PDB file of N, CA and C in Angstrom:
ATOM      1  N   MET A   1      36.289 -11.380  21.468  1.00  0.00           N
ATOM      2  CA  MET A   1      36.367 -10.691  20.210  1.00  0.00           C
ATOM      3  C   MET A   1      35.192 -10.493  19.435  1.00  0.00           C
ATOM      4  N   LYS A   2      35.075  -9.484  18.741  1.00  0.00           N
ATOM      5  CA  LYS A   2      33.972  -9.223  18.101  1.00  0.00           C
ATOM      6  C   LYS A   2      34.157  -9.041  16.382  1.00  0.00           C
ATOM      7  N   ARG A   3      33.500  -9.545  15.634  1.00  0.00           N
ATOM      8  CA  ARG A   3      33.641  -9.237  14.270  1.00  0.00           C
ATOM      9  C   ARG A   3      32.535  -8.335  13.729  1.00  0.00           C
ATOM     10  N   LEU A   4      32.885  -7.268  12.883  1.00  0.00           N
ATOM     11  CA  LEU A   4      31.765  -6.208  12.686  1.00  0.00           C
ATOM     12  C   LEU A   4      32.065  -6.010  10.809  1.00  0.00           C
ATOM     13  N   ARG A   5      30.831  -6.743  10.526  1.00  0.00           N
ATOM     14  CA  ARG A   5      30.581  -6.324   8.936  1.00  0.00           C
ATOM     15  C   ARG A   5      29.732  -5.211   8.691  1.00  0.00           C
ATOM     16  N   VAL A   6      29.875  -4.445   7.564  1.00  0.00           N
ATOM     17  CA  VAL A   6      28.940  -3.407   7.372  1.00  0.00           C
ATOM     18  C   VAL A   6      29.127  -3.345   5.813  1.00  0.00           C
ATOM     19  N   TRP A   7      27.797  -3.250   5.267  1.00  0.00           N
ATOM     20  CA  TRP A   7      27.791  -2.922   4.060  1.00  0.00           C
ATOM     21  C   TRP A   7      26.477  -2.324   3.566  1.00  0.00           C
ATOM     22  N   ALA A   8      26.611  -1.478   2.165  1.00  0.00           N
ATOM     23  CA  ALA A   8      25.580  -0.502   1.723  1.00  0.00           C
ATOM     24  C   ALA A   8      24.583  -1.247   0.973  1.00  0.00           C
ATOM     25  N   ILE A   9      23.099  -0.983   1.111  1.00  0.00           N
ATOM     26  CA  ILE A   9      22.148  -1.345   0.036  1.00  0.00           C
ATOM     27  C   ILE A   9      21.842  -0.293  -0.863  1.00  0.00           C
ATOM     28  N   HIS A  10      22.123  -0.280  -2.156  1.00  0.00           N
ATOM     29  CA  HIS A  10      21.755   0.703  -3.110  1.00  0.00           C
ATOM     30  C   HIS A  10      20.235   0.367  -3.587  1.00  0.00           C
ATOM     31  N   ALA A  11      19.272   1.296  -3.402  1.00  0.00           N
ATOM     32  CA  ALA A  11      18.056   1.054  -4.317  1.00  0.00           C
ATOM     33  C   ALA A  11      18.224   2.454  -5.187  1.00  0.00           C
ATOM     34  N   GLU A  12      17.431   2.245  -6.463  1.00  0.00           N
ATOM     35  CA  GLU A  12      17.417   3.377  -7.457  1.00  0.00           C
ATOM     36  C   GLU A  12      16.590   4.558  -6.774  1.00  0.00           C
ATOM     37  N   GLY A  13      17.117   5.716  -7.012  1.00  0.00           N
ATOM     38  CA  GLY A  13      16.414   6.845  -6.701  1.00  0.00           C
ATOM     39  C   GLY A  13      16.751   7.244  -5.128  1.00  0.00           C
ATOM     40  N   ARG A  14      17.058   6.355  -4.148  1.00  0.00           N
ATOM     41  CA  ARG A  14      17.484   6.472  -2.693  1.00  0.00           C
ATOM     42  C   ARG A  14      18.503   6.491  -2.356  1.00  0.00           C
ATOM     43  N   ALA A  15      18.816   7.259  -1.223  1.00  0.00           N
ATOM     44  CA  ALA A  15      20.095   7.154  -0.517  1.00  0.00           C
ATOM     45  C   ALA A  15      20.264   5.573  -0.207  1.00  0.00           C
ATOM     46  N   ALA A  16      21.757   5.568  -0.055  1.00  0.00           N
ATOM     47  CA  ALA A  16      22.200   4.023   0.376  1.00  0.00           C
ATOM     48  C   ALA A  16      21.748   3.788   1.905  1.00  0.00           C
ATOM     49  N   GLU A  17      21.401   2.642   2.197  1.00  0.00           N
ATOM     50  CA  GLU A  17      20.900   2.133   3.428  1.00  0.00           C
ATOM     51  C   GLU A  17      21.777   1.344   4.084  1.00  0.00           C
ATOM     52  N   TRP A  18      22.288   1.610   5.187  1.00  0.00           N
ATOM     53  CA  TRP A  18      23.509   0.957   5.754  1.00  0.00           C
ATOM     54  C   TRP A  18      23.056  -0.280   6.546  1.00  0.00           C
ATOM     55  N   ARG A  19      23.563  -1.554   6.619  1.00  0.00           N
ATOM     56  CA  ARG A  19      23.247  -2.561   7.352  1.00  0.00           C
ATOM     57  C   ARG A  19      24.681  -3.316   7.824  1.00  0.00           C
ATOM     58  N   GLY A  20      24.493  -4.154   8.766  1.00  0.00           N
ATOM     59  CA  GLY A  20      25.467  -4.793   9.143  1.00  0.00           C
ATOM     60  C   GLY A  20      25.235  -5.987  10.133  1.00  0.00           C
ATOM     61  N   LYS A  21      26.262  -6.350  10.506  1.00  0.00           N
ATOM     62  CA  LYS A  21      26.226  -7.685  11.498  1.00  0.00           C
ATOM     63  C   LYS A  21      27.445  -7.573  12.467  1.00  0.00           C
ATOM     64  N   LEU A  22      27.314  -7.690  13.814  1.00  0.00           N
ATOM     65  CA  LEU A  22      28.034  -7.514  14.750  1.00  0.00           C
ATOM     66  C   LEU A  22      28.028  -9.089  15.585  1.00  0.00           C
ATOM     67  N   GLN A  23      29.277  -9.686  15.472  1.00  0.00           N
ATOM     68  CA  GLN A  23      29.361 -10.980  15.772  1.00  0.00           C
ATOM     69  C   GLN A  23      30.406 -11.336  16.765  1.00  0.00           C
ATOM     70  N   ALA A  24      30.057 -11.999  18.158  1.00  0.00           N
ATOM     71  CA  ALA A  24      30.760 -12.341  18.931  1.00  0.00           C
ATOM     72  C   ALA A  24      31.597 -13.643  18.408  1.00  0.00           C
ATOM     73  N   LEU A  25      33.011 -13.659  19.107  1.00  0.00           N
ATOM     74  CA  LEU A  25      33.538 -14.697  18.572  1.00  0.00           C
ATOM     75  C   LEU A  25      34.127 -15.335  19.745  1.00  0.00           C
ATOM     76  N   PRO A  26      34.478 -16.519  20.116  1.00  0.00           N
ATOM     77  CA  PRO A  26      34.418 -17.838  19.033  1.00  0.00           C
ATOM     78  C   PRO A  26      32.684 -18.217  19.133  1.00  0.00           C
ATOM     79  N   ASP A  27      31.721 -17.811  20.240  1.00  0.00           N
ATOM     80  CA  ASP A  27      30.391 -18.423  20.381  1.00  0.00           C
ATOM     81  C   ASP A  27      29.542 -18.068  19.233  1.00  0.00           C
ATOM     82  N   GLY A  28      29.747 -17.170  18.422  1.00  0.00           N
ATOM     83  CA  GLY A  28      28.980 -16.855  17.342  1.00  0.00           C
ATOM     84  C   GLY A  28      27.798 -16.346  17.551  1.00  0.00           C
ATOM     85  N   GLU A  29      27.236 -15.676  18.659  1.00  0.00           N
ATOM     86  CA  GLU A  29      26.446 -14.744  18.874  1.00  0.00           C
ATOM     87  C   GLU A  29      26.401 -13.651  17.922  1.00  0.00           C
ATOM     88  N   ALA A  30      25.294 -13.358  16.950  1.00  0.00           N
ATOM     89  CA  ALA A  30      25.084 -12.533  15.917  1.00  0.00           C
ATOM     90  C   ALA A  30      23.954 -11.404  16.487  1.00  0.00           C
ATOM     91  N   HIS A  31      24.229 -10.139  16.042  1.00  0.00           N
ATOM     92  CA  HIS A  31      23.308  -9.128  16.196  1.00  0.00           C
ATOM     93  C   HIS A  31      23.193  -8.484  14.858  1.00  0.00           C
ATOM     94  N   TYR A  32      22.164  -8.317  14.144  1.00  0.00           N
ATOM     95  CA  TYR A  32      22.040  -7.545  13.086  1.00  0.00           C
ATOM     96  C   TYR A  32      21.528  -6.176  13.176  1.00  0.00           C
ATOM     97  N   PHE A  33      21.950  -5.346  12.202  1.00  0.00           N
ATOM     98  CA  PHE A  33      21.406  -3.955  12.434  1.00  0.00           C
ATOM     99  C   PHE A  33      21.179  -3.230  11.180  1.00  0.00           C
ATOM    100  N   HIS A  34      20.303  -2.216  11.217  1.00  0.00           N
ATOM    101  CA  HIS A  34      19.928  -1.293  10.139  1.00  0.00           C
ATOM    102  C   HIS A  34      20.083  -0.011  10.347  1.00  0.00           C
ATOM    103  N   GLY A  35      21.074   0.602  10.026  1.00  0.00           N
ATOM    104  CA  GLY A  35      21.669   2.147  10.094  1.00  0.00           C
ATOM    105  C   GLY A  35      22.512   2.262  11.460  1.00  0.00           C
ATOM    106  N   TRP A  36      22.934   3.452  11.237  1.00  0.00           N
ATOM    107  CA  TRP A  36      24.016   3.631  12.386  1.00  0.00           C
ATOM    108  C   TRP A  36      23.619   3.482  13.717  1.00  0.00           C
ATOM    109  N   GLU A  37      22.070   4.300  13.905  1.00  0.00           N
ATOM    110  CA  GLU A  37      21.912   4.566  15.062  1.00  0.00           C
ATOM    111  C   GLU A  37      21.678   2.877  15.825  1.00  0.00           C
ATOM    112  N   GLU A  38      21.226   1.912  15.044  1.00  0.00           N
ATOM    113  CA  GLU A  38      21.142   0.569  15.720  1.00  0.00           C
ATOM    114  C   GLU A  38      22.466   0.234  15.979  1.00  0.00           C
ATOM    115  N   LEU A  39      23.604   0.167  15.193  1.00  0.00           N
ATOM    116  CA  LEU A  39      24.949   0.073  15.420  1.00  0.00           C
ATOM    117  C   LEU A  39      25.520   0.506  16.698  1.00  0.00           C
ATOM    118  N   VAL A  40      25.607   1.854  16.822  1.00  0.00           N
ATOM    119  CA  VAL A  40      26.022   2.364  17.940  1.00  0.00           C
ATOM    120  C   VAL A  40      25.125   2.171  19.093  1.00  0.00           C
ATOM    121  N   GLY A  41      23.861   1.876  19.333  1.00  0.00           N
ATOM    122  CA  GLY A  41      23.080   1.207  20.664  1.00  0.00           C
ATOM    123  C   GLY A  41      23.728  -0.019  20.648  1.00  0.00           C
ATOM    124  N   ARG A  42      23.949  -0.926  19.758  1.00  0.00           N
ATOM    125  CA  ARG A  42      24.689  -2.189  20.114  1.00  0.00           C
ATOM    126  C   ARG A  42      25.853  -2.146  20.549  1.00  0.00           C
ATOM    127  N   LEU A  43      26.443  -1.470  20.342  1.00  0.00           N
ATOM    128  CA  LEU A  43      27.892  -1.141  20.729  1.00  0.00           C
ATOM    129  C   LEU A  43      27.993  -0.588  22.104  1.00  0.00           C
ATOM    130  N   GLU A  44      27.209   0.211  22.428  1.00  0.00           N
ATOM    131  CA  GLU A  44      27.205   0.706  23.770  1.00  0.00           C
ATOM    132  C   GLU A  44      26.577  -0.107  24.806  1.00  0.00           C
ATOM    133  N   ALA A  45      25.653  -0.869  24.160  1.00  0.00           N
ATOM    134  CA  ALA A  45      25.096  -2.093  25.251  1.00  0.00           C
ATOM    135  C   ALA A  45      26.338  -3.147  25.558  1.00  0.00           C
ATOM    136  N   MET A  46      27.031  -3.514  24.517  1.00  0.00           N
ATOM    137  CA  MET A  46      28.087  -4.366  24.779  1.00  0.00           C
ATOM    138  C   MET A  46      29.326  -3.888  25.401  1.00  0.00           C
ATOM    139  N   VAL A  47      29.466  -2.804  25.163  1.00  0.00           N
ATOM    140  CA  VAL A  47      30.442  -2.039  26.175  1.00  0.00           C
ATOM    141  C   VAL A  47      29.970  -1.977  27.819  1.00  0.00           C
ATOM    142  N   TYR A  48      28.931  -1.656  28.231  1.00  0.00           N
ATOM    143  CA  TYR A  48      27.884  -1.646  29.265  1.00  0.00           C
ATOM    144  C   TYR A  48      27.936  -2.896  29.761  1.00  0.00           C
ATOM    145  N   GLN A  49      27.918  -3.999  28.918  1.00  0.00           N
ATOM    146  CA  GLN A  49      27.795  -5.424  29.591  1.00  0.00           C
ATOM    147  C   GLN A  49      29.227  -5.963  29.790  1.00  0.00           C
ATOM    148  N   ALA A  50      30.022  -5.220  29.337  1.00  0.00           N
ATOM    149  CA  ALA A  50      31.440  -5.767  29.661  1.00  0.00           C
ATOM    150  C   ALA A  50      32.083  -5.077  30.926  1.00  0.00           C
ATOM    151  N   GLY A  51      31.336  -4.236  31.430  1.00  0.00           N
ATOM    152  CA  GLY A  51      31.569  -3.526  32.594  1.00  0.00           C
ATOM    153  C   GLY A  51      32.392  -2.279  32.366  1.00  0.00           C
ATOM    154  N   TYR A  52      32.441  -1.697  31.430  1.00  0.00           N
ATOM    155  CA  TYR A  52      33.131  -0.300  31.086  1.00  0.00           C
ATOM    156  C   TYR A  52      31.773   0.808  31.136  1.00  0.00           C
ATOM    157  N   PRO A  53      32.165   2.039  31.719  1.00  0.00           N
ATOM    158  CA  PRO A  53      31.233   3.173  31.682  1.00  0.00           C
ATOM    159  C   PRO A  53      30.726   3.502  30.360  1.00  0.00           C
ATOM    160  N   VAL A  54      29.445   3.511  30.591  1.00  0.00           N
ATOM    161  CA  VAL A  54      28.581   4.272  29.472  1.00  0.00           C
ATOM    162  C   VAL A  54      27.701   5.162  30.005  1.00  0.00           C
ATOM    163  N   ALA A  55      27.214   6.579  29.126  1.00  0.00           N
ATOM    164  CA  ALA A  55      26.180   7.243  29.517  1.00  0.00           C
ATOM    165  C   ALA A  55      25.203   6.695  29.837  1.00  0.00           C
ATOM    166  N   GLN A  56      24.705   6.715  31.209  1.00  0.00           N
ATOM    167  CA  GLN A  56      23.510   5.936  31.486  1.00  0.00           C
ATOM    168  C   GLN A  56      22.083   6.385  30.510  1.00  0.00           C
ATOM    169  N   SER A  57      22.013   7.724  30.087  1.00  0.00           N
ATOM    170  CA  SER A  57      21.156   8.187  29.277  1.00  0.00           C
ATOM    171  C   SER A  57      21.160   7.720  27.951  1.00  0.00           C
ATOM    172  N   ASN A  58      22.162   7.099  27.277  1.00  0.00           N
ATOM    173  CA  ASN A  58      22.452   6.529  25.885  1.00  0.00           C
ATOM    174  C   ASN A  58      21.601   5.406  26.040  1.00  0.00           C
ATOM    175  N   LEU A  59      21.952   4.510  27.311  1.00  0.00           N
ATOM    176  CA  LEU A  59      21.328   3.176  27.262  1.00  0.00           C
ATOM    177  C   LEU A  59      19.675   3.351  27.508  1.00  0.00           C
ATOM    178  N   GLU A  60      19.372   4.263  28.298  1.00  0.00           N
ATOM    179  CA  GLU A  60      18.010   4.522  28.336  1.00  0.00           C
ATOM    180  C   GLU A  60      17.039   4.687  27.235  1.00  0.00           C
ATOM    181  N   ASP A  61      17.792   5.446  26.328  1.00  0.00           N
ATOM    182  CA  ASP A  61      17.108   5.768  25.212  1.00  0.00           C
ATOM    183  C   ASP A  61      16.936   4.508  24.283  1.00  0.00           C
ATOM    184  N   LYS A  62      17.654   3.619  24.437  1.00  0.00           N
ATOM    185  CA  LYS A  62      17.769   2.505  23.630  1.00  0.00           C
ATOM    186  C   LYS A  62      17.276   0.986  24.489  1.00  0.00           C
ATOM    187  N   GLY A  63      16.573   1.443  25.593  1.00  0.00           N
ATOM    188  CA  GLY A  63      15.802   0.361  26.143  1.00  0.00           C
ATOM    189  C   GLY A  63      16.794  -0.497  26.781  1.00  0.00           C
ATOM    190  N   GLU A  64      18.059  -0.369  27.142  1.00  0.00           N
ATOM    191  CA  GLU A  64      19.137  -1.260  27.613  1.00  0.00           C
ATOM    192  C   GLU A  64      19.453  -1.287  29.184  1.00  0.00           C
ATOM    193  N   SER A  65      18.556  -0.231  29.792  1.00  0.00           N
ATOM    194  CA  SER A  65      18.958  -0.114  31.370  1.00  0.00           C
ATOM    195  C   SER A  65      18.079  -1.283  31.954  1.00  0.00           C
TER     196      SER A  65
END
């Protein structure tokens, strides 16, 4: 089971910066991310490691192959 937390950091005069934490339960291993691209990359890597098919080009782009 995984837990996903996402929040926005608002700075005056700038667009919101999205951050989050993806945590495996019950072992507690956590991965923090900044922005949607990092979240998608982490999710793709987790799906791949669980044995499900993921487009290989997506993983190569993120250094996971």
